């Protein structure tokens, strides 16, 4: 079980580094969502289900929805799609 925790910690480090190097805002939000979900799994493994539920709801849920709404409001999602073409 400890090997699984180390693998998850490795994924956390990869997510943290990749979100800092990502130039695409949409990809950064998706990486942040995966970071929050991995962190909630780690909280479950540490036998703290209340923090796991909070991390999943706030980190991956509410915050990501707010980020998506902000990107849509500033028209960043549409501009990134047009830049790709």
Protein backbone atom coordinates (compact mmCIF):
# COMPACT_ATOMS: atom_id res chain seq x y z
CA UNK A 1 0.00 0.00 0.00
CA UNK A 2 2.91 2.31 0.66
CA UNK A 3 4.14 1.86 -2.92
CA UNK A 4 0.73 3.08 -4.15
CA UNK A 5 1.07 6.19 -1.98
CA UNK A 6 4.51 6.90 -3.44
CA UNK A 7 3.11 6.52 -6.95
CA UNK A 8 0.35 9.00 -6.13
CA UNK A 9 2.88 11.42 -4.65
CA UNK A 10 4.86 11.12 -7.88
CA UNK A 11 1.74 11.98 -9.86
CA UNK A 12 1.23 15.03 -7.62
CA UNK A 13 4.73 16.24 -8.39
CA UNK A 14 4.22 15.66 -12.12
CA UNK A 15 0.93 17.58 -12.02
CA UNK A 16 2.47 20.49 -10.10
CA UNK A 17 5.40 20.79 -12.50
CA UNK A 18 3.31 20.36 -15.65
CA UNK A 19 0.74 22.97 -14.63
CA UNK A 20 3.52 25.50 -14.14
CA UNK A 21 4.94 24.81 -17.63
CA UNK A 22 1.60 24.63 -19.45
CA UNK A 23 0.91 27.56 -21.75
CA UNK A 24 -2.70 26.59 -22.46
CA UNK A 25 -5.07 27.78 -19.72
CA UNK A 26 -7.61 25.04 -20.37
CA UNK A 27 -4.96 22.36 -19.98
CA UNK A 28 -3.81 24.00 -16.76
CA UNK A 29 -7.31 23.75 -15.32
CA UNK A 30 -7.60 20.10 -16.30
CA UNK A 31 -4.25 19.33 -14.70
CA UNK A 32 -5.37 21.18 -11.57
CA UNK A 33 -8.52 19.06 -11.46
CA UNK A 34 -6.46 15.88 -11.67
CA UNK A 35 -4.19 17.21 -8.92
CA UNK A 36 -7.20 17.71 -6.65
CA UNK A 37 -8.59 14.26 -7.40
CA UNK A 38 -5.25 12.60 -6.66
CA UNK A 39 -5.00 14.60 -3.45
CA UNK A 40 -8.47 13.43 -2.40
CA UNK A 41 -7.38 9.80 -2.97
CA UNK A 42 -4.35 10.43 -0.78
CA UNK A 43 -6.60 11.86 1.95
CA UNK A 44 -8.69 8.68 1.80
CA UNK A 45 -5.55 6.56 2.15
CA UNK A 46 -4.54 8.66 5.16
CA UNK A 47 -7.94 7.77 6.70
CA UNK A 48 -9.34 11.27 6.59
CA UNK A 49 -12.57 11.00 4.61
CA UNK A 50 -13.87 14.43 5.60
CA UNK A 51 -10.86 16.13 4.00
CA UNK A 52 -11.15 13.85 0.97
CA UNK A 53 -14.75 14.86 0.37
CA UNK A 54 -13.90 18.52 0.84
CA UNK A 55 -10.93 18.30 -1.52
CA UNK A 56 -12.99 16.57 -4.19
CA UNK A 57 -15.94 18.95 -3.86
CA UNK A 58 -14.05 22.21 -3.57
CA UNK A 59 -10.79 21.46 -5.37
CA UNK A 60 -12.01 19.48 -8.34
CA UNK A 61 -15.61 20.65 -8.34
CA UNK A 62 -16.38 24.23 -7.41
CA UNK A 63 -12.99 25.78 -8.12
CA UNK A 64 -12.75 24.17 -11.55
CA UNK A 65 -16.24 25.34 -12.48
CA UNK A 66 -15.27 28.87 -11.44
CA UNK A 67 -12.09 28.65 -13.53
CA UNK A 68 -14.08 27.46 -16.56
CA UNK A 69 -16.59 30.28 -16.09
CA UNK A 70 -13.77 32.80 -15.85
CA UNK A 71 -12.14 31.51 -19.02
CA UNK A 72 -15.44 31.74 -20.85
CA UNK A 73 -16.08 35.24 -19.49
CA UNK A 74 -12.71 36.57 -20.62
CA UNK A 75 -13.12 34.73 -23.94
CA UNK A 76 -9.86 32.85 -23.44
CA UNK A 77 -11.35 29.50 -24.43
CA UNK A 78 -12.54 30.80 -27.79
CA UNK A 79 -9.22 32.57 -28.50
CA UNK A 80 -7.22 29.43 -27.73
CA UNK A 81 -9.43 27.38 -30.05
CA UNK A 82 -8.93 29.92 -32.85
CA UNK A 83 -5.16 29.96 -32.30
CA UNK A 84 -4.99 26.19 -32.78
CA UNK A 85 -6.49 26.41 -36.29
